[in-house]
Amino acid sequence: MRARMLFVAMIALTACKNDNGFTEQPVPPGEPRPESLEAVPAPVPPSPRFYLLFPTTPAAVSDLGHVLLWEWETGGDTYIWTEDEGLEWKTTTGAYFNTVHDISADGTKIIGDYGNYMNDEDTQAATWTEEDGWVKLGALPDTLDCPMQSAGYALSADGTLAAGLAFSGCSGRGFLWDADGGMVATEPLGNGGNRISAMSRNGELMAGFAQGDGSRTPAVWYEDGTGEVLNMAFPGEFYGVNDAGTKAVGQLGSKAAVWDVVDGHTLLGTVGSPGASSAAAHAFCGGDDQMIIGRDSLAGGVAIAWTESTGLVMLQDLLEDFGVEFPDQTRLLDAVACTPDRTHIIGRGAVGEDVGSYVIVLPEGALDPLFQ
């Protein structure tokens, strides 16, 4: 693990408090305090736990709780965190401007961008595994000498299908990839500038954006590569897709929204008063589509959640009602991903001046009363 990374865990344990109020594992007498603090929880009764891992940025979480993180300041360093093993450095994307975006259901494969065009190396969408390292997925045949030829954003649950952004000339197109067919462009939508940002578990539905009449507009694609734009006049984009491949979530205008392949879109609103904030839905939380998480711009950014019983609310307030104890000065700034069983919720957060990724670990079934 890179020595400069600082991993801080906020949990109810027998431990010591530092000057900032952070909970740290005690250092045995006579042993030097490690330069990089790694707070690994001791066995505890089933109860909610909160972790802050800074200064990382959260990307995705596997079904089993592998949290994918990256840090651009160190040249694209990529980490996987689990509650049992803590924070582990895995790889680098080759340049600070490359990122990782998704992880397979079993936590063994990630997708992102790899290469460094500043060193005359093509930057392309790529996948990484422990066994094979980085494997580039290629570029479209008519790409020009663009700084980035393609970028990987989404994986199917089993990691065999990939999707993202590729360039036709230097115009953005969505792409689909598998080992047999390689990289294939999806149907161009709107006024160009397409990107696939999310994929369902089985690859039957992809979602992202195209260029609309004035700015980005939400768009979806299907497994055969065809797609559609909801309305060219709608500003916004889609960020997430449900497991079944029948719904997408994102932002329409200034409001969080959910779209159904049969019933069309529903606006979930904002947590601020009308005109005071804007909101975006980022992901379904759970495999049953009954909970959605995201971000509202209120007060500089707050994580939000939607259920049928609560409507759109602040996620931190909701979780406190279910027994999550947050350290003083905690702010959940965003919520970006969740496991199908709703035991892990990840996002961007802060405790005092420390900003990074948070992980909230809940006992199985802890949120079930919301859906009864």
Protein backbone atom coordinates (compact mmCIF):
# COMPACT_ATOMS: atom_id res chain seq x y z
CA MET A 1 0.00 0.00 0.00
CA ARG A 2 1.30 3.46 -0.87
CA ALA A 3 2.63 5.19 2.25
CA ARG A 4 1.04 8.54 1.48
CA MET A 5 -2.50 7.13 1.60
CA LEU A 6 -4.35 7.74 4.84
CA PHE A 7 -7.18 5.37 5.72
CA VAL A 8 -9.37 6.48 8.60
CA ALA A 9 -12.24 4.41 9.96
CA MET A 10 -15.13 5.91 11.89
CA ILE A 11 -16.65 3.11 13.96
CA ALA A 12 -17.84 2.40 17.47
CA LEU A 13 -14.87 0.43 18.85
CA THR A 14 -12.59 0.41 21.84
CA ALA A 15 -9.94 2.71 20.42
CA CYS A 16 -8.33 6.11 20.85
CA LYS A 17 -9.41 9.49 19.54
CA ASN A 18 -6.95 11.81 17.86
CA ASP A 19 -7.14 15.60 17.96
CA ASN A 20 -9.58 15.63 15.06
CA GLY A 21 -11.98 13.25 16.76
CA PHE A 22 -11.16 10.37 14.38
CA THR A 23 -11.23 6.85 15.75
CA GLU A 24 -7.90 5.07 15.34
CA GLN A 25 -6.66 1.63 16.24
CA PRO A 26 -4.32 1.84 19.23
CA VAL A 27 -0.59 1.38 18.58
CA PRO A 28 1.02 -1.14 21.00
CA PRO A 29 3.41 0.47 23.51
CA GLY A 30 6.97 0.74 22.24
CA GLU A 31 6.00 0.41 18.56
CA PRO A 32 6.27 3.42 16.22
CA ARG A 33 3.06 4.79 14.80
CA PRO A 34 2.95 3.86 11.11
CA GLU A 35 3.27 6.71 8.65
CA SER A 36 0.13 5.49 6.90
CA LEU A 37 -2.61 4.84 9.45
CA GLU A 38 -4.69 1.77 8.75
CA ALA A 39 -7.66 1.41 11.08
CA VAL A 40 -9.00 -2.12 10.75
CA PRO A 41 -12.06 -2.93 12.86
CA ALA A 42 -11.94 -5.53 15.59
CA PRO A 43 -14.83 -8.01 15.73
CA VAL A 44 -18.01 -6.15 16.67
CA PRO A 45 -21.66 -7.10 17.09
CA PRO A 46 -23.83 -6.57 14.00
CA SER A 47 -24.22 -2.81 13.84
CA PRO A 48 -23.86 -0.04 11.26
CA ARG A 49 -20.28 1.09 10.53
CA PHE A 50 -18.97 4.23 8.84
CA TYR A 51 -15.57 4.55 7.15
CA LEU A 52 -13.85 7.50 5.54
CA LEU A 53 -11.02 6.76 3.10
CA PHE A 54 -9.30 9.91 2.01
CA PRO A 55 -8.21 11.48 -0.26
CA THR A 56 -9.67 8.87 -2.63
CA THR A 57 -12.62 9.16 -5.02
CA PRO A 58 -15.27 6.39 -5.03
CA ALA A 59 -16.12 4.63 -8.28
CA ALA A 60 -18.16 1.46 -7.69
CA VAL A 61 -18.83 -1.45 -5.33
CA SER A 62 -19.09 -5.17 -6.13
CA ASP A 63 -21.88 -7.45 -4.92
CA LEU A 64 -19.49 -8.70 -2.22
CA GLY A 65 -18.47 -5.29 -0.90
CA HIS A 66 -15.25 -4.64 -2.86
CA VAL A 67 -15.13 -0.83 -3.04
CA LEU A 68 -13.28 0.53 -6.09
CA LEU A 69 -11.42 3.82 -5.51
CA TRP A 70 -8.91 5.97 -7.34
CA GLU A 71 -6.70 8.98 -6.70
CA TRP A 72 -5.65 11.27 -9.52
CA GLU A 73 -2.95 13.22 -7.65
CA THR A 74 -0.67 10.17 -7.57
CA GLY A 75 -0.99 9.34 -11.26
CA GLY A 76 -4.14 7.25 -11.36
CA ASP A 77 -3.48 5.01 -8.35
CA THR A 78 -6.30 2.49 -7.99
CA TYR A 79 -7.40 0.77 -4.77
CA ILE A 80 -9.88 -1.85 -3.63
CA TRP A 81 -11.20 -1.70 -0.06
CA THR A 82 -13.01 -4.44 1.83
CA GLU A 83 -14.02 -4.44 5.47
CA ASP A 84 -11.93 -7.57 6.14
CA GLU A 85 -8.73 -6.54 4.34
CA GLY A 86 -8.84 -2.75 4.49
CA LEU A 87 -7.41 -0.57 1.71
CA GLU A 88 -5.19 -2.30 -0.86
CA TRP A 89 -3.33 -0.60 -3.71
CA LYS A 90 -3.94 -2.56 -6.91
CA THR A 91 -2.62 -0.72 -9.95
CA THR A 92 -2.11 2.62 -11.68
CA THR A 93 -3.95 3.78 -14.77
CA GLY A 94 -0.75 5.17 -16.24
CA ALA A 95 -1.55 8.87 -15.93
CA TYR A 96 -3.29 11.24 -13.54
CA PHE A 97 -6.00 12.08 -16.09
CA ASN A 98 -7.16 8.44 -16.37
CA THR A 99 -9.81 7.02 -14.05
CA VAL A 100 -11.56 3.76 -13.18
CA HIS A 101 -15.34 3.50 -13.26
CA ASP A 102 -16.80 0.05 -12.62
CA ILE A 103 -16.11 -3.35 -11.05
CA SER A 104 -17.49 -6.82 -11.77
CA ALA A 105 -19.97 -8.45 -9.39
CA ASP A 106 -17.29 -10.68 -7.87
CA GLY A 107 -14.78 -7.84 -7.50
CA THR A 108 -12.11 -9.39 -9.76
CA LYS A 109 -12.27 -7.12 -12.83
CA ILE A 110 -12.31 -3.34 -13.15
CA ILE A 111 -12.75 -1.04 -16.14
CA GLY A 112 -11.34 2.39 -16.82
CA ASP A 113 -8.78 4.10 -19.06
CA TYR A 114 -5.15 3.13 -19.52
CA GLY A 115 -2.22 4.75 -21.31
CA ASN A 116 -0.49 8.11 -21.53
CA TYR A 117 -0.76 10.06 -24.78
CA MET A 118 1.75 12.56 -23.38
CA ASN A 119 4.32 9.75 -23.73
CA ASP A 120 3.13 8.81 -27.24
CA GLU A 121 1.09 5.91 -25.89
CA ASP A 122 -2.53 5.50 -26.96
CA THR A 123 -5.00 6.01 -24.12
CA GLN A 124 -7.85 3.54 -24.45
CA ALA A 125 -10.64 1.85 -22.55
CA ALA A 126 -9.14 -1.08 -20.68
CA THR A 127 -9.93 -3.75 -18.11
CA TRP A 128 -7.70 -4.91 -15.28
CA THR A 129 -7.46 -8.17 -13.35
CA GLU A 130 -4.82 -9.52 -10.98
CA GLU A 131 -3.97 -12.25 -13.49
CA ASP A 132 -3.76 -10.24 -16.73
CA GLY A 133 -3.07 -6.68 -15.61
CA TRP A 134 -4.36 -4.01 -18.00
CA VAL A 135 -5.85 -5.18 -21.29
CA LYS A 136 -6.78 -2.43 -23.75
CA LEU A 137 -10.13 -2.78 -25.51
CA GLY A 138 -9.12 -0.89 -28.64
CA ALA A 139 -10.54 1.99 -30.66
CA LEU A 140 -13.00 2.52 -33.49
CA PRO A 141 -11.54 2.12 -37.00
CA ASP A 142 -12.10 5.77 -37.94
CA THR A 143 -10.72 7.39 -34.81
CA LEU A 144 -8.32 10.21 -35.56
CA ASP A 145 -5.25 11.27 -33.62
CA CYS A 146 -7.35 12.18 -30.59
CA PRO A 147 -5.65 12.51 -27.19
CA MET A 148 -7.91 9.71 -25.90
CA GLN A 149 -9.16 7.05 -28.31
CA SER A 150 -11.67 5.42 -25.98
CA ALA A 151 -12.66 5.28 -22.30
CA GLY A 152 -14.24 2.43 -20.35
CA TYR A 153 -17.20 3.15 -18.08
CA ALA A 154 -19.32 0.05 -17.49
CA LEU A 155 -19.14 -3.73 -17.09
CA SER A 156 -21.77 -6.43 -17.06
CA ALA A 157 -22.02 -8.33 -13.79
CA ASP A 158 -19.79 -11.17 -15.03
CA GLY A 159 -17.28 -8.77 -16.62
CA THR A 160 -17.63 -10.22 -20.13
CA LEU A 161 -19.33 -7.14 -21.63
CA ALA A 162 -17.99 -3.59 -21.53
CA ALA A 163 -19.26 -0.20 -22.64
CA GLY A 164 -18.22 3.42 -22.64
CA LEU A 165 -17.03 6.22 -24.89
CA ALA A 166 -15.07 5.92 -28.13
CA PHE A 167 -14.26 8.41 -30.86
CA SER A 168 -15.43 8.36 -34.45
CA GLY A 169 -13.15 10.96 -35.92
CA CYS A 170 -12.99 13.09 -32.80
CA SER A 171 -16.74 12.90 -32.12
CA GLY A 172 -17.90 10.91 -29.11
CA ARG A 173 -19.77 7.65 -29.70
CA GLY A 174 -20.98 4.98 -27.33
CA PHE A 175 -19.37 1.57 -27.68
CA LEU A 176 -20.07 -2.04 -26.76
CA TRP A 177 -17.30 -4.61 -26.40
CA ASP A 178 -17.00 -8.35 -25.93
CA ALA A 179 -14.13 -10.76 -26.50
CA ASP A 180 -15.62 -12.17 -29.71
CA GLY A 181 -16.71 -9.02 -31.50
CA GLY A 182 -14.29 -6.48 -30.08
CA MET A 183 -15.32 -2.81 -29.95
CA VAL A 184 -18.45 -1.85 -31.88
CA ALA A 185 -19.99 1.63 -32.02
CA THR A 186 -23.59 2.04 -30.88
CA GLU A 187 -26.18 4.01 -32.81
CA PRO A 188 -25.27 7.73 -32.87
CA LEU A 189 -27.96 9.76 -31.12
CA GLY A 190 -28.90 13.43 -30.93
CA ASN A 191 -26.32 15.88 -32.15
CA GLY A 192 -23.37 13.58 -31.38
CA GLY A 193 -21.25 13.69 -28.25
CA ASN A 194 -22.56 10.30 -27.05
CA ARG A 195 -21.34 8.34 -24.02
CA ILE A 196 -22.51 5.16 -22.32
CA SER A 197 -22.04 5.60 -18.56
CA ALA A 198 -23.83 2.58 -17.08
CA MET A 199 -24.89 -0.95 -18.01
CA SER A 200 -27.37 -3.41 -16.54
CA ARG A 201 -26.08 -6.67 -15.08
CA ASN A 202 -26.92 -8.62 -18.23
CA GLY A 203 -26.01 -5.90 -20.74
CA GLU A 204 -29.55 -5.53 -22.04
CA LEU A 205 -29.75 -1.80 -21.28
CA MET A 206 -27.11 0.94 -21.34
CA ALA A 207 -27.59 4.57 -20.38
CA GLY A 208 -25.73 7.86 -20.58
CA PHE A 209 -26.09 10.98 -22.69
CA ALA A 210 -26.05 12.53 -26.13
CA GLN A 211 -25.78 16.16 -27.19
CA GLY A 212 -29.28 17.65 -27.20
CA ASP A 213 -30.61 20.95 -28.45
CA GLY A 214 -28.63 22.95 -25.90
CA SER A 215 -26.55 20.61 -23.74
CA ARG A 216 -26.29 16.96 -22.69
CA THR A 217 -29.57 15.07 -22.90
CA PRO A 218 -30.43 11.64 -21.41
CA ALA A 219 -30.06 8.69 -23.78
CA VAL A 220 -30.36 4.89 -23.62
CA TRP A 221 -29.10 2.04 -25.79
CA TYR A 222 -30.16 -1.59 -26.08
CA GLU A 223 -28.14 -4.78 -26.45
CA ASP A 224 -28.38 -4.67 -30.26
CA GLY A 225 -26.72 -1.24 -30.27
CA THR A 226 -29.82 0.78 -31.14
CA GLY A 227 -30.83 3.62 -28.87
CA GLU A 228 -33.11 6.55 -28.21
CA VAL A 229 -33.10 10.03 -26.75
CA LEU A 230 -35.97 10.85 -24.41
CA ASN A 231 -36.44 14.39 -25.65
CA MET A 232 -33.84 16.57 -27.38
CA ALA A 233 -35.05 19.55 -25.33
CA PHE A 234 -34.43 17.76 -21.99
CA PRO A 235 -31.11 18.80 -20.44
CA GLY A 236 -29.49 16.17 -18.24
CA GLU A 237 -28.11 12.63 -18.40
CA PHE A 238 -28.45 9.13 -17.01
CA TYR A 239 -25.95 7.77 -14.47
CA GLY A 240 -27.29 4.36 -13.48
CA VAL A 241 -29.32 1.36 -14.68
CA ASN A 242 -31.27 -1.20 -12.66
CA ASP A 243 -30.20 -4.85 -12.47
CA ALA A 244 -33.00 -6.06 -14.73
CA GLY A 245 -32.24 -3.62 -17.54
CA THR A 246 -35.66 -1.94 -17.50
CA LYS A 247 -34.98 1.40 -15.77
CA ALA A 248 -32.42 4.19 -15.69
CA VAL A 249 -31.82 7.02 -13.21
CA GLY A 250 -30.28 10.45 -13.63
CA GLN A 251 -31.18 14.09 -13.95
CA LEU A 252 -33.82 15.82 -16.09
CA GLY A 253 -33.58 19.57 -15.96
CA SER A 254 -32.76 20.35 -12.35
CA LYS A 255 -34.50 17.33 -10.83
CA ALA A 256 -33.55 13.76 -9.98
CA ALA A 257 -35.47 11.38 -12.21
CA VAL A 258 -36.15 7.72 -12.96
CA TRP A 259 -37.02 6.40 -16.43
CA ASP A 260 -38.88 3.18 -17.21
CA VAL A 261 -38.61 1.51 -20.61
CA VAL A 262 -42.42 1.12 -20.65
CA ASP A 263 -43.78 4.00 -18.56
CA GLY A 264 -41.32 6.77 -19.40
CA HIS A 265 -39.84 9.21 -16.88
CA THR A 266 -40.85 10.27 -13.38
CA LEU A 267 -39.36 13.30 -11.66
CA LEU A 268 -38.26 12.63 -8.07
CA GLY A 269 -37.67 16.32 -7.34
CA THR A 270 -35.10 18.03 -5.13
CA VAL A 271 -34.61 18.30 -1.36
CA GLY A 272 -34.28 22.09 -1.55
CA SER A 273 -37.20 24.41 -2.08
CA PRO A 274 -38.22 25.05 -5.71
CA GLY A 275 -35.39 26.82 -7.51
CA ALA A 276 -33.04 26.57 -4.50
CA SER A 277 -31.16 23.44 -5.60
CA SER A 278 -30.79 20.81 -8.29
CA ALA A 279 -30.66 17.04 -7.84
CA ALA A 280 -29.43 13.96 -9.69
CA ALA A 281 -30.17 10.28 -9.07
CA HIS A 282 -26.98 8.23 -9.45
CA ALA A 283 -27.84 4.60 -8.73
CA PHE A 284 -30.42 2.08 -7.61
CA CYS A 285 -29.72 0.90 -4.07
CA GLY A 286 -30.74 -2.76 -3.94
CA GLY A 287 -31.77 -5.22 -6.61
CA ASP A 288 -35.49 -4.55 -6.22
CA ASP A 289 -35.51 -0.90 -7.46
CA GLN A 290 -37.21 0.28 -4.26
CA MET A 291 -34.45 2.71 -3.26
CA ILE A 292 -32.52 5.28 -5.30
CA ILE A 293 -29.50 7.32 -4.17
CA GLY A 294 -27.78 10.42 -5.52
CA ARG A 295 -26.87 14.03 -4.84
CA ASP A 296 -28.53 17.40 -4.34
CA SER A 297 -26.67 20.70 -4.72
CA LEU A 298 -28.19 22.11 -1.50
CA ALA A 299 -25.60 23.67 0.86
CA GLY A 300 -22.69 22.72 -1.35
CA GLY A 301 -23.85 19.16 -1.92
CA VAL A 302 -25.69 16.52 0.10
CA ALA A 303 -26.27 12.81 -0.49
CA ILE A 304 -29.92 11.99 -1.08
CA ALA A 305 -32.14 8.91 -1.10
CA TRP A 306 -35.58 8.15 -2.46
CA THR A 307 -38.06 5.47 -1.44
CA GLU A 308 -41.79 5.35 -2.02
CA SER A 309 -42.42 5.68 1.71
CA THR A 310 -40.06 8.61 2.35
CA GLY A 311 -39.93 10.50 -0.92
CA LEU A 312 -36.67 12.34 -1.59
CA VAL A 313 -34.73 12.92 1.64
CA MET A 314 -31.18 13.51 2.84
CA LEU A 315 -29.40 10.16 3.10
CA GLN A 316 -27.53 11.09 6.29
CA ASP A 317 -30.77 11.88 8.12
CA LEU A 318 -32.33 8.65 6.88
CA LEU A 319 -29.40 6.51 8.01
CA GLU A 320 -29.24 8.16 11.42
CA ASP A 321 -32.83 7.03 11.93
CA PHE A 322 -31.58 3.47 11.32
CA GLY A 323 -28.78 3.60 13.85
CA VAL A 324 -25.78 4.87 11.89
CA GLU A 325 -23.63 7.04 14.16
CA PHE A 326 -21.57 9.61 12.31
CA PRO A 327 -18.55 11.42 13.76
CA ASP A 328 -18.91 15.13 14.49
CA GLN A 329 -18.71 17.36 11.42
CA THR A 330 -19.60 14.51 9.02
CA ARG A 331 -21.14 15.53 5.71
CA LEU A 332 -22.31 13.03 3.11
CA LEU A 333 -21.79 14.98 -0.10
CA ASP A 334 -22.96 12.37 -2.59
CA ALA A 335 -24.04 8.73 -2.90
CA VAL A 336 -22.79 6.89 -5.96
CA ALA A 337 -23.28 3.13 -5.54
CA CYS A 338 -24.83 0.41 -3.39
CA THR A 339 -24.70 -3.39 -3.17
CA PRO A 340 -27.78 -5.40 -4.27
CA ASP A 341 -28.44 -6.39 -0.63
CA ARG A 342 -28.13 -2.77 0.58
CA THR A 343 -25.38 -3.65 3.07
CA HIS A 344 -22.81 -1.25 1.52
CA ILE A 345 -23.45 2.33 0.42
CA ILE A 346 -20.56 4.38 -0.94
CA GLY A 347 -20.05 7.98 -1.95
CA ARG A 348 -18.10 11.17 -1.49
CA GLY A 349 -18.04 12.66 2.00
CA ALA A 350 -16.15 14.70 4.55
CA VAL A 351 -15.37 14.75 8.25
CA GLY A 352 -14.20 18.22 9.15
CA GLU A 353 -11.64 19.24 6.54
CA ASP A 354 -10.89 15.68 5.40
CA VAL A 355 -12.68 14.88 2.13
CA GLY A 356 -12.69 11.49 0.46
CA SER A 357 -14.68 8.32 -0.07
CA TYR A 358 -17.03 6.98 2.56
CA VAL A 359 -18.34 3.45 3.03
CA ILE A 360 -21.38 2.72 5.17
CA VAL A 361 -21.76 -0.95 6.13
CA LEU A 362 -25.19 -2.02 7.37
CA PRO A 363 -26.40 -5.30 8.85
CA GLU A 364 -28.30 -7.37 6.30
CA GLY A 365 -31.95 -6.32 6.24
CA ALA A 366 -31.33 -3.14 8.26
CA LEU A 367 -33.31 -0.97 5.82
CA ASP A 368 -36.14 -3.45 5.21
CA PRO A 369 -38.67 -1.50 7.35
CA LEU A 370 -38.61 1.18 4.64
CA PHE A 371 -40.26 -1.20 2.19
CA GLN A 372 -42.86 -2.93 4.33
